[in-house]
């Protein structure tokens, strides 16, 4: 895996289709997260994931470790509308998607797909071969999104892991091979 200076990253400064608040709403900018985004990232994570949001200190550490694969949707007014975070190993070719979230008012407009497509492009560029993620088995919208991007349940048992995050917190593990 190769690292690239942040100033040469592949930020997308183009406008995303269907991404306005309304007819005159601001367009969204898909870009790498910045340190100054951390308070807004915490607010966004709490809005999207509520009681399952990352604690602020952990969000900070994840940013410090994986900033080149921490992407946000910025509406230009100081509010973030979505993010994706991928974690990589220092010595290895595997990655995990640790978070993908879009604010409720912006869902079902392809923004999750845009975030995932960009982070997968960056992971492939950086030499990652396999990407995994976990998803709540009843979250059919997320499962459909991941399957549309090529993710498949990781065997055995169709990827289902009982009590993965603790009692009653089952997850399905999905995998995408970026090679080939």
N, C-alpha and C. Protein backbone atom coordinates (compact mmCIF):
# COMPACT_ATOMS: atom_id res chain seq x y z
N UNK A 1 0.85 -1.17 0.00
CA UNK A 1 0.00 0.00 0.00
C UNK A 1 0.90 1.23 0.00
N UNK A 2 0.53 2.22 -0.76
CA UNK A 2 1.28 3.45 -0.80
C UNK A 2 0.44 4.57 -0.22
N UNK A 3 1.11 5.47 0.43
CA UNK A 3 0.42 6.63 0.97
C UNK A 3 0.71 7.82 0.06
N UNK A 4 -0.24 8.71 -0.03
CA UNK A 4 -0.10 9.88 -0.88
C UNK A 4 -0.34 11.11 -0.01
N UNK A 5 0.47 12.16 -0.18
CA UNK A 5 0.23 13.36 0.63
C UNK A 5 -1.20 13.86 0.47
N UNK A 6 -1.75 14.37 1.55
CA UNK A 6 -3.14 14.81 1.55
C UNK A 6 -3.40 15.85 0.47
N UNK A 7 -2.44 16.75 0.24
CA UNK A 7 -2.68 17.79 -0.75
C UNK A 7 -2.77 17.26 -2.17
N UNK A 8 -2.34 16.01 -2.42
CA UNK A 8 -2.44 15.42 -3.75
C UNK A 8 -3.56 14.39 -3.81
N UNK A 9 -4.41 14.34 -2.78
CA UNK A 9 -5.46 13.32 -2.77
C UNK A 9 -6.46 13.57 -3.89
N UNK A 10 -7.27 12.56 -4.15
CA UNK A 10 -8.21 12.61 -5.27
C UNK A 10 -9.55 13.20 -4.86
N UNK A 11 -9.54 14.30 -4.14
CA UNK A 11 -10.81 14.91 -3.73
C UNK A 11 -11.68 15.18 -4.93
N UNK A 12 -12.97 14.96 -4.73
CA UNK A 12 -13.95 15.20 -5.79
C UNK A 12 -14.60 16.54 -5.50
N UNK A 13 -14.30 17.52 -6.27
CA UNK A 13 -14.89 18.84 -6.08
C UNK A 13 -16.01 19.10 -7.07
N UNK A 14 -16.45 18.03 -7.73
CA UNK A 14 -17.58 18.20 -8.64
C UNK A 14 -18.88 18.07 -7.84
N UNK A 15 -19.94 18.50 -8.42
CA UNK A 15 -21.23 18.47 -7.74
C UNK A 15 -21.89 17.13 -7.96
N UNK A 16 -22.53 16.64 -6.90
CA UNK A 16 -23.21 15.36 -6.99
C UNK A 16 -24.65 15.57 -7.42
N UNK A 17 -25.13 14.79 -8.36
CA UNK A 17 -26.50 14.95 -8.84
C UNK A 17 -27.51 14.61 -7.74
N UNK A 18 -28.62 15.31 -7.74
CA UNK A 18 -29.68 15.03 -6.79
C UNK A 18 -29.33 15.34 -5.37
N UNK A 19 -28.36 16.24 -5.16
CA UNK A 19 -27.84 16.44 -3.82
C UNK A 19 -28.25 17.77 -3.20
N UNK A 20 -29.23 18.45 -3.71
CA UNK A 20 -29.61 19.75 -3.18
C UNK A 20 -30.69 19.61 -2.12
N UNK A 21 -30.71 20.59 -1.18
CA UNK A 21 -31.75 20.61 -0.15
C UNK A 21 -33.12 20.71 -0.78
N UNK A 22 -33.21 21.46 -1.78
CA UNK A 22 -34.45 21.69 -2.50
C UNK A 22 -34.06 22.25 -3.84
N UNK A 23 -34.98 22.91 -4.53
CA UNK A 23 -34.64 23.45 -5.85
C UNK A 23 -33.46 24.42 -5.81
N UNK A 24 -33.32 25.17 -4.70
CA UNK A 24 -32.24 26.14 -4.61
C UNK A 24 -31.22 25.78 -3.56
N UNK A 25 -31.23 24.53 -3.08
CA UNK A 25 -30.33 24.11 -2.02
C UNK A 25 -28.89 24.02 -2.50
N UNK A 26 -27.96 24.02 -1.56
CA UNK A 26 -26.55 23.97 -1.93
C UNK A 26 -26.15 22.58 -2.44
N UNK A 27 -25.25 22.53 -3.42
CA UNK A 27 -24.75 21.25 -3.90
C UNK A 27 -23.78 20.64 -2.87
N UNK A 28 -23.53 19.36 -2.98
CA UNK A 28 -22.63 18.67 -2.06
C UNK A 28 -21.27 18.45 -2.70
N UNK A 29 -20.23 18.58 -1.88
CA UNK A 29 -18.86 18.38 -2.29
C UNK A 29 -18.34 17.12 -1.59
N UNK A 30 -17.93 16.11 -2.35
CA UNK A 30 -17.35 14.90 -1.79
C UNK A 30 -15.85 15.13 -1.69
N UNK A 31 -15.33 15.10 -0.45
CA UNK A 31 -13.92 15.42 -0.22
C UNK A 31 -13.39 14.64 0.98
N UNK A 32 -12.06 14.70 1.15
CA UNK A 32 -11.42 14.11 2.31
C UNK A 32 -11.77 14.94 3.54
N UNK A 33 -12.03 14.26 4.65
CA UNK A 33 -12.32 14.96 5.91
C UNK A 33 -11.10 15.77 6.35
N UNK A 34 -11.38 16.84 7.06
CA UNK A 34 -10.34 17.71 7.61
C UNK A 34 -10.45 17.71 9.13
N UNK A 35 -9.37 18.05 9.78
CA UNK A 35 -9.39 18.13 11.24
C UNK A 35 -10.49 19.08 11.72
N UNK A 36 -10.68 20.17 11.02
CA UNK A 36 -11.71 21.14 11.41
C UNK A 36 -13.13 20.58 11.29
N UNK A 37 -13.29 19.43 10.61
CA UNK A 37 -14.60 18.79 10.46
C UNK A 37 -14.99 17.96 11.69
N UNK A 38 -14.07 17.71 12.59
CA UNK A 38 -14.34 16.76 13.68
C UNK A 38 -15.59 17.08 14.50
N UNK A 39 -15.83 18.32 14.94
CA UNK A 39 -17.08 18.57 15.68
C UNK A 39 -18.32 18.26 14.84
N UNK A 40 -18.29 18.62 13.57
CA UNK A 40 -19.43 18.35 12.69
C UNK A 40 -19.55 16.86 12.38
N UNK A 41 -18.42 16.16 12.27
CA UNK A 41 -18.46 14.71 12.07
C UNK A 41 -19.11 14.03 13.27
N UNK A 42 -18.81 14.50 14.45
CA UNK A 42 -19.43 13.91 15.65
C UNK A 42 -20.94 14.14 15.63
N UNK A 43 -21.36 15.36 15.29
CA UNK A 43 -22.79 15.64 15.20
C UNK A 43 -23.46 14.74 14.17
N UNK A 44 -22.83 14.62 13.00
CA UNK A 44 -23.37 13.79 11.93
C UNK A 44 -23.46 12.33 12.37
N UNK A 45 -22.40 11.81 12.97
CA UNK A 45 -22.40 10.42 13.40
C UNK A 45 -23.50 10.17 14.43
N UNK A 46 -23.70 11.12 15.34
CA UNK A 46 -24.77 10.98 16.34
C UNK A 46 -26.15 11.06 15.69
N UNK A 47 -26.31 11.92 14.69
CA UNK A 47 -27.59 12.03 13.99
C UNK A 47 -27.92 10.73 13.27
N UNK A 48 -26.93 10.16 12.61
CA UNK A 48 -27.16 8.97 11.79
C UNK A 48 -27.25 7.70 12.64
N UNK A 49 -26.34 7.55 13.58
CA UNK A 49 -26.24 6.28 14.31
C UNK A 49 -26.77 6.33 15.74
N UNK A 50 -27.15 7.49 16.21
CA UNK A 50 -27.77 7.70 17.52
C UNK A 50 -26.97 7.00 18.62
N UNK A 51 -27.57 6.04 19.33
CA UNK A 51 -26.87 5.42 20.47
C UNK A 51 -25.69 4.57 20.05
N UNK A 52 -25.54 4.29 18.75
CA UNK A 52 -24.41 3.50 18.27
C UNK A 52 -23.31 4.38 17.68
N UNK A 53 -23.41 5.68 17.85
CA UNK A 53 -22.40 6.60 17.32
C UNK A 53 -21.06 6.38 18.02
N UNK A 54 -19.99 6.67 17.30
CA UNK A 54 -18.66 6.59 17.89
C UNK A 54 -18.50 7.65 18.97
N UNK A 55 -17.86 7.33 20.09
CA UNK A 55 -17.52 8.38 21.06
C UNK A 55 -16.56 9.38 20.40
N UNK A 56 -16.61 10.61 20.84
CA UNK A 56 -15.78 11.65 20.23
C UNK A 56 -14.31 11.34 20.20
N UNK A 57 -13.78 10.77 21.30
CA UNK A 57 -12.35 10.47 21.33
C UNK A 57 -11.98 9.41 20.29
N UNK A 58 -12.86 8.44 20.07
CA UNK A 58 -12.58 7.40 19.08
C UNK A 58 -12.67 7.95 17.66
N UNK A 59 -13.65 8.79 17.42
CA UNK A 59 -13.77 9.42 16.11
C UNK A 59 -12.49 10.21 15.80
N UNK A 60 -11.96 10.89 16.80
CA UNK A 60 -10.71 11.64 16.63
C UNK A 60 -9.56 10.71 16.25
N UNK A 61 -9.45 9.59 16.98
CA UNK A 61 -8.36 8.65 16.71
C UNK A 61 -8.51 7.99 15.34
N UNK A 62 -9.73 7.68 14.96
CA UNK A 62 -9.97 7.10 13.63
C UNK A 62 -9.58 8.10 12.54
N UNK A 63 -9.88 9.36 12.76
CA UNK A 63 -9.47 10.40 11.81
C UNK A 63 -7.95 10.44 11.70
N UNK A 64 -7.28 10.45 12.86
CA UNK A 64 -5.82 10.53 12.86
C UNK A 64 -5.18 9.34 12.14
N UNK A 65 -5.79 8.18 12.27
CA UNK A 65 -5.20 6.97 11.68
C UNK A 65 -5.55 6.80 10.20
N UNK A 66 -6.75 7.21 9.80
CA UNK A 66 -7.25 6.85 8.47
C UNK A 66 -7.74 8.04 7.65
N UNK A 67 -7.19 9.20 7.87
CA UNK A 67 -7.75 10.40 7.24
C UNK A 67 -7.80 10.33 5.72
N UNK A 68 -6.88 9.64 5.08
CA UNK A 68 -6.92 9.57 3.61
C UNK A 68 -8.09 8.75 3.09
N UNK A 69 -8.69 7.94 3.97
CA UNK A 69 -9.86 7.15 3.59
C UNK A 69 -11.09 7.53 4.42
N UNK A 70 -11.11 8.76 4.88
CA UNK A 70 -12.25 9.31 5.64
C UNK A 70 -12.83 10.42 4.77
N UNK A 71 -13.93 10.12 4.10
CA UNK A 71 -14.51 11.05 3.13
C UNK A 71 -15.82 11.59 3.63
N UNK A 72 -16.11 12.83 3.28
CA UNK A 72 -17.34 13.48 3.72
C UNK A 72 -18.07 14.12 2.55
N UNK A 73 -19.36 14.35 2.76
CA UNK A 73 -20.19 15.15 1.87
C UNK A 73 -20.46 16.47 2.56
N UNK A 74 -19.93 17.53 2.00
CA UNK A 74 -20.00 18.87 2.58
C UNK A 74 -21.01 19.68 1.78
N UNK A 75 -21.99 20.29 2.47
CA UNK A 75 -23.00 21.06 1.75
C UNK A 75 -22.62 22.52 1.55
N UNK A 76 -21.42 22.90 2.00
CA UNK A 76 -20.93 24.26 1.78
C UNK A 76 -21.42 25.26 2.80
N UNK A 77 -22.27 24.85 3.73
CA UNK A 77 -22.79 25.77 4.74
C UNK A 77 -22.24 25.46 6.13
N UNK A 78 -21.30 24.52 6.20
CA UNK A 78 -20.77 24.12 7.49
C UNK A 78 -21.37 22.83 8.01
N UNK A 79 -22.33 22.27 7.26
CA UNK A 79 -22.94 21.01 7.68
C UNK A 79 -22.49 19.88 6.76
N UNK A 80 -22.13 18.77 7.40
CA UNK A 80 -21.80 17.57 6.64
C UNK A 80 -23.05 16.73 6.52
N UNK A 81 -23.26 16.12 5.36
CA UNK A 81 -24.48 15.35 5.10
C UNK A 81 -24.22 13.86 4.97
N UNK A 82 -22.94 13.45 4.98
CA UNK A 82 -22.63 12.03 4.90
C UNK A 82 -21.14 11.82 5.06
N UNK A 83 -20.79 10.56 5.35
CA UNK A 83 -19.38 10.20 5.42
C UNK A 83 -19.21 8.71 5.19
N UNK A 84 -17.97 8.34 4.84
CA UNK A 84 -17.56 6.95 4.79
C UNK A 84 -16.15 6.90 5.37
N UNK A 85 -15.87 5.83 6.09
CA UNK A 85 -14.56 5.63 6.70
C UNK A 85 -14.10 4.22 6.43
N UNK A 86 -12.91 4.10 5.85
CA UNK A 86 -12.29 2.80 5.61
C UNK A 86 -10.99 2.73 6.39
N UNK A 87 -10.77 1.59 7.05
CA UNK A 87 -9.55 1.36 7.81
C UNK A 87 -8.68 0.37 7.06
N UNK A 88 -7.39 0.63 7.04
CA UNK A 88 -6.44 -0.27 6.39
C UNK A 88 -5.38 -0.67 7.39
N UNK A 89 -4.71 -1.77 7.09
CA UNK A 89 -3.60 -2.23 7.92
C UNK A 89 -2.31 -1.66 7.36
N UNK A 90 -1.37 -1.37 8.26
CA UNK A 90 -0.09 -0.84 7.80
C UNK A 90 0.63 -1.83 6.90
N UNK A 91 0.58 -3.10 7.25
CA UNK A 91 1.23 -4.14 6.45
C UNK A 91 0.16 -5.14 6.05
N UNK A 92 -0.43 -4.91 4.92
CA UNK A 92 -1.46 -5.83 4.45
C UNK A 92 -2.25 -5.23 3.33
N UNK A 93 -3.11 -6.05 2.76
CA UNK A 93 -3.89 -5.61 1.62
C UNK A 93 -5.39 -5.75 1.89
N UNK A 94 -5.76 -5.76 3.15
CA UNK A 94 -7.17 -5.84 3.55
C UNK A 94 -7.62 -4.50 4.12
N UNK A 95 -8.91 -4.26 4.01
CA UNK A 95 -9.51 -3.04 4.55
C UNK A 95 -10.88 -3.38 5.10
N UNK A 96 -11.33 -2.57 6.05
CA UNK A 96 -12.69 -2.67 6.60
C UNK A 96 -13.37 -1.32 6.44
N UNK A 97 -14.60 -1.32 6.01
CA UNK A 97 -15.43 -0.11 6.04
C UNK A 97 -15.96 -0.02 7.47
N UNK A 98 -15.58 1.03 8.18
CA UNK A 98 -15.98 1.19 9.58
C UNK A 98 -17.23 2.04 9.74
N UNK A 99 -17.58 2.77 8.71
CA UNK A 99 -18.78 3.59 8.82
C UNK A 99 -19.18 4.15 7.47
N UNK A 100 -20.48 4.13 7.23
CA UNK A 100 -21.08 4.79 6.08
C UNK A 100 -22.40 5.36 6.56
N UNK A 101 -22.55 6.65 6.46
CA UNK A 101 -23.79 7.26 6.91
C UNK A 101 -24.14 8.48 6.09
N UNK A 102 -25.43 8.64 5.85
CA UNK A 102 -25.98 9.80 5.15
C UNK A 102 -27.14 10.30 6.00
N UNK A 103 -27.26 11.61 6.14
CA UNK A 103 -28.36 12.16 6.93
C UNK A 103 -29.70 11.71 6.36
N UNK A 104 -30.69 11.52 7.22
CA UNK A 104 -31.99 11.02 6.75
C UNK A 104 -32.59 11.83 5.62
N UNK A 105 -32.41 13.15 5.63
CA UNK A 105 -33.00 13.99 4.59
C UNK A 105 -32.31 13.85 3.24
N UNK A 106 -31.17 13.20 3.19
CA UNK A 106 -30.42 13.04 1.93
C UNK A 106 -30.36 11.60 1.44
N UNK A 107 -31.01 10.70 2.14
CA UNK A 107 -30.99 9.30 1.74
C UNK A 107 -31.80 9.07 0.47
N UNK A 108 -31.50 7.98 -0.20
CA UNK A 108 -32.20 7.52 -1.40
C UNK A 108 -31.98 8.45 -2.61
N UNK A 109 -30.79 9.09 -2.62
CA UNK A 109 -30.41 9.93 -3.75
C UNK A 109 -29.07 9.50 -4.35
N UNK A 110 -28.60 8.30 -3.97
CA UNK A 110 -27.34 7.79 -4.51
C UNK A 110 -26.09 8.27 -3.81
N UNK A 111 -26.25 8.96 -2.69
CA UNK A 111 -25.08 9.52 -2.02
C UNK A 111 -24.23 8.45 -1.34
N UNK A 112 -24.87 7.42 -0.77
CA UNK A 112 -24.11 6.31 -0.20
C UNK A 112 -23.29 5.61 -1.27
N UNK A 113 -23.87 5.45 -2.44
CA UNK A 113 -23.15 4.84 -3.56
C UNK A 113 -21.98 5.71 -3.97
N UNK A 114 -22.18 7.02 -4.04
CA UNK A 114 -21.09 7.95 -4.40
C UNK A 114 -19.95 7.85 -3.40
N UNK A 115 -20.27 7.85 -2.11
CA UNK A 115 -19.23 7.74 -1.08
C UNK A 115 -18.48 6.42 -1.19
N UNK A 116 -19.23 5.33 -1.31
CA UNK A 116 -18.59 4.01 -1.39
C UNK A 116 -17.75 3.88 -2.66
N UNK A 117 -18.25 4.36 -3.78
CA UNK A 117 -17.50 4.26 -5.03
C UNK A 117 -16.17 4.99 -4.93
N UNK A 118 -16.19 6.18 -4.34
CA UNK A 118 -14.95 6.95 -4.21
C UNK A 118 -13.97 6.29 -3.24
N UNK A 119 -14.46 5.80 -2.11
CA UNK A 119 -13.51 5.18 -1.17
C UNK A 119 -12.97 3.88 -1.75
N UNK A 120 -13.77 3.12 -2.48
CA UNK A 120 -13.27 1.90 -3.12
C UNK A 120 -12.23 2.22 -4.19
N UNK A 121 -12.42 3.30 -4.92
CA UNK A 121 -11.43 3.75 -5.90
C UNK A 121 -10.11 4.05 -5.21
N UNK A 122 -10.17 4.76 -4.09
CA UNK A 122 -8.95 5.10 -3.36
C UNK A 122 -8.28 3.86 -2.77
N UNK A 123 -9.07 2.94 -2.25
CA UNK A 123 -8.51 1.71 -1.69
C UNK A 123 -7.81 0.90 -2.78
N UNK A 124 -8.44 0.77 -3.92
CA UNK A 124 -7.84 0.05 -5.05
C UNK A 124 -6.53 0.73 -5.45
N UNK A 125 -6.54 2.04 -5.57
CA UNK A 125 -5.34 2.81 -5.92
C UNK A 125 -4.21 2.56 -4.92
N UNK A 126 -4.56 2.37 -3.65
CA UNK A 126 -3.57 2.19 -2.60
C UNK A 126 -3.16 0.73 -2.40
N UNK A 127 -3.59 -0.15 -3.31
CA UNK A 127 -3.13 -1.53 -3.28
C UNK A 127 -3.93 -2.47 -2.40
N UNK A 128 -5.13 -2.08 -2.02
CA UNK A 128 -5.98 -2.95 -1.21
C UNK A 128 -6.62 -4.00 -2.13
N UNK A 129 -6.62 -5.25 -1.68
CA UNK A 129 -7.19 -6.35 -2.46
C UNK A 129 -8.57 -6.75 -1.99
N UNK A 130 -8.83 -6.70 -0.68
CA UNK A 130 -10.09 -7.18 -0.11
C UNK A 130 -10.67 -6.12 0.82
N UNK A 131 -11.96 -5.85 0.68
CA UNK A 131 -12.67 -4.92 1.56
C UNK A 131 -13.81 -5.69 2.23
N UNK A 132 -13.91 -5.54 3.53
CA UNK A 132 -14.99 -6.17 4.30
C UNK A 132 -15.78 -5.09 5.03
N UNK A 133 -16.99 -5.48 5.40
CA UNK A 133 -17.82 -4.61 6.23
C UNK A 133 -18.82 -5.47 6.98
N UNK A 134 -19.41 -4.90 8.00
CA UNK A 134 -20.49 -5.59 8.69
C UNK A 134 -21.76 -4.76 8.51
N UNK A 135 -22.88 -5.46 8.49
CA UNK A 135 -24.16 -4.78 8.34
C UNK A 135 -25.19 -5.52 9.19
N UNK A 136 -26.10 -4.77 9.76
CA UNK A 136 -27.17 -5.36 10.55
C UNK A 136 -28.04 -6.17 9.59
N UNK A 137 -28.29 -7.45 9.86
CA UNK A 137 -28.98 -8.31 8.89
C UNK A 137 -30.35 -7.82 8.44
N UNK A 138 -31.03 -7.03 9.25
CA UNK A 138 -32.35 -6.52 8.86
C UNK A 138 -32.27 -5.23 8.06
N UNK A 139 -31.09 -4.68 7.88
CA UNK A 139 -30.92 -3.41 7.16
C UNK A 139 -30.85 -3.71 5.66
N UNK A 140 -32.01 -4.00 5.08
CA UNK A 140 -32.07 -4.43 3.69
C UNK A 140 -31.61 -3.35 2.71
N UNK A 141 -31.87 -2.09 3.03
CA UNK A 141 -31.43 -1.01 2.13
C UNK A 141 -29.90 -1.00 2.03
N UNK A 142 -29.23 -1.14 3.16
CA UNK A 142 -27.76 -1.16 3.15
C UNK A 142 -27.25 -2.41 2.43
N UNK A 143 -27.85 -3.55 2.70
CA UNK A 143 -27.42 -4.79 2.05
C UNK A 143 -27.58 -4.67 0.54
N UNK A 144 -28.69 -4.11 0.09
CA UNK A 144 -28.91 -3.91 -1.35
C UNK A 144 -27.83 -2.99 -1.93
N UNK A 145 -27.52 -1.90 -1.23
CA UNK A 145 -26.47 -0.99 -1.69
C UNK A 145 -25.14 -1.73 -1.83
N UNK A 146 -24.75 -2.46 -0.80
CA UNK A 146 -23.47 -3.15 -0.84
C UNK A 146 -23.44 -4.22 -1.93
N UNK A 147 -24.53 -4.93 -2.10
CA UNK A 147 -24.58 -5.95 -3.15
C UNK A 147 -24.48 -5.29 -4.53
N UNK A 148 -25.07 -4.12 -4.70
CA UNK A 148 -25.00 -3.43 -5.99
C UNK A 148 -23.57 -3.00 -6.33
N UNK A 149 -22.73 -2.89 -5.31
CA UNK A 149 -21.33 -2.53 -5.50
C UNK A 149 -20.42 -3.75 -5.64
N UNK A 150 -21.01 -4.94 -5.54
CA UNK A 150 -20.25 -6.17 -5.72
C UNK A 150 -19.93 -6.92 -4.44
N UNK A 151 -20.32 -6.41 -3.29
CA UNK A 151 -20.08 -7.12 -2.03
C UNK A 151 -20.96 -8.36 -1.98
N UNK A 152 -20.42 -9.41 -1.38
CA UNK A 152 -21.14 -10.66 -1.19
C UNK A 152 -20.93 -11.13 0.25
N UNK A 153 -21.89 -11.89 0.80
CA UNK A 153 -21.70 -12.42 2.15
C UNK A 153 -20.44 -13.28 2.21
N UNK A 154 -19.68 -13.09 3.29
CA UNK A 154 -18.47 -13.89 3.47
C UNK A 154 -18.84 -15.17 4.22
N UNK A 155 -18.51 -16.28 3.62
CA UNK A 155 -18.82 -17.58 4.22
C UNK A 155 -17.95 -17.81 5.45
N UNK A 156 -18.37 -18.65 6.36
CA UNK A 156 -19.50 -19.58 6.28
C UNK A 156 -20.82 -18.92 6.68
N UNK A 157 -21.87 -19.66 6.53
CA UNK A 157 -23.22 -19.29 7.00
C UNK A 157 -23.73 -17.99 6.40
N UNK A 158 -23.42 -17.74 5.14
CA UNK A 158 -23.91 -16.54 4.48
C UNK A 158 -23.45 -15.26 5.14
N UNK A 159 -22.33 -15.33 5.84
CA UNK A 159 -21.78 -14.15 6.50
C UNK A 159 -22.40 -13.81 7.83
N UNK A 160 -23.44 -14.52 8.26
CA UNK A 160 -24.12 -14.19 9.50
C UNK A 160 -23.27 -14.56 10.70
N UNK A 161 -23.04 -13.59 11.58
CA UNK A 161 -22.28 -13.81 12.82
C UNK A 161 -23.18 -13.41 13.98
N UNK A 162 -23.62 -14.42 14.72
CA UNK A 162 -24.47 -14.19 15.89
C UNK A 162 -23.66 -13.45 16.96
N UNK A 163 -24.29 -12.49 17.62
CA UNK A 163 -23.70 -11.78 18.76
C UNK A 163 -22.34 -11.14 18.42
N UNK A 164 -22.16 -10.73 17.19
CA UNK A 164 -20.87 -10.18 16.73
C UNK A 164 -20.42 -8.99 17.58
N UNK A 165 -21.33 -8.09 17.89
CA UNK A 165 -21.02 -6.92 18.71
C UNK A 165 -21.53 -7.07 20.14
N UNK A 166 -21.92 -8.26 20.54
CA UNK A 166 -22.44 -8.52 21.87
C UNK A 166 -23.78 -9.23 21.76
N UNK A 167 -24.35 -9.61 22.90
CA UNK A 167 -25.60 -10.36 22.90
C UNK A 167 -26.71 -9.66 22.09
N UNK A 168 -27.26 -10.41 21.14
CA UNK A 168 -28.35 -9.90 20.32
C UNK A 168 -27.94 -8.93 19.23
N UNK A 169 -26.66 -8.64 19.11
CA UNK A 169 -26.18 -7.67 18.11
C UNK A 169 -25.52 -8.44 16.97
N UNK A 170 -26.36 -9.08 16.17
CA UNK A 170 -25.90 -9.91 15.05
C UNK A 170 -25.47 -9.02 13.89
N UNK A 171 -24.56 -9.53 13.10
CA UNK A 171 -24.11 -8.82 11.91
C UNK A 171 -23.88 -9.80 10.78
N UNK A 172 -24.01 -9.29 9.57
CA UNK A 172 -23.62 -10.04 8.39
C UNK A 172 -22.31 -9.43 7.91
N UNK A 173 -21.33 -10.27 7.67
CA UNK A 173 -20.06 -9.81 7.13
C UNK A 173 -20.13 -9.96 5.62
N UNK A 174 -19.80 -8.87 4.94
CA UNK A 174 -19.78 -8.87 3.47
C UNK A 174 -18.38 -8.55 3.01
N UNK A 175 -18.06 -9.04 1.81
CA UNK A 175 -16.69 -8.94 1.29
C UNK A 175 -16.73 -8.57 -0.19
N UNK A 176 -15.74 -7.76 -0.57
CA UNK A 176 -15.55 -7.39 -1.97
C UNK A 176 -14.07 -7.60 -2.31
N UNK A 177 -13.81 -8.38 -3.35
CA UNK A 177 -12.45 -8.55 -3.85
C UNK A 177 -12.21 -7.48 -4.91
N UNK A 178 -11.22 -6.64 -4.67
CA UNK A 178 -10.93 -5.54 -5.61
C UNK A 178 -10.02 -5.98 -6.75
N UNK A 179 -9.42 -7.13 -6.64
CA UNK A 179 -8.55 -7.61 -7.72
C UNK A 179 -9.37 -8.38 -8.74
N UNK A 180 -8.92 -8.37 -9.95
CA UNK A 180 -9.61 -9.15 -10.99
C UNK A 180 -10.70 -8.42 -11.69
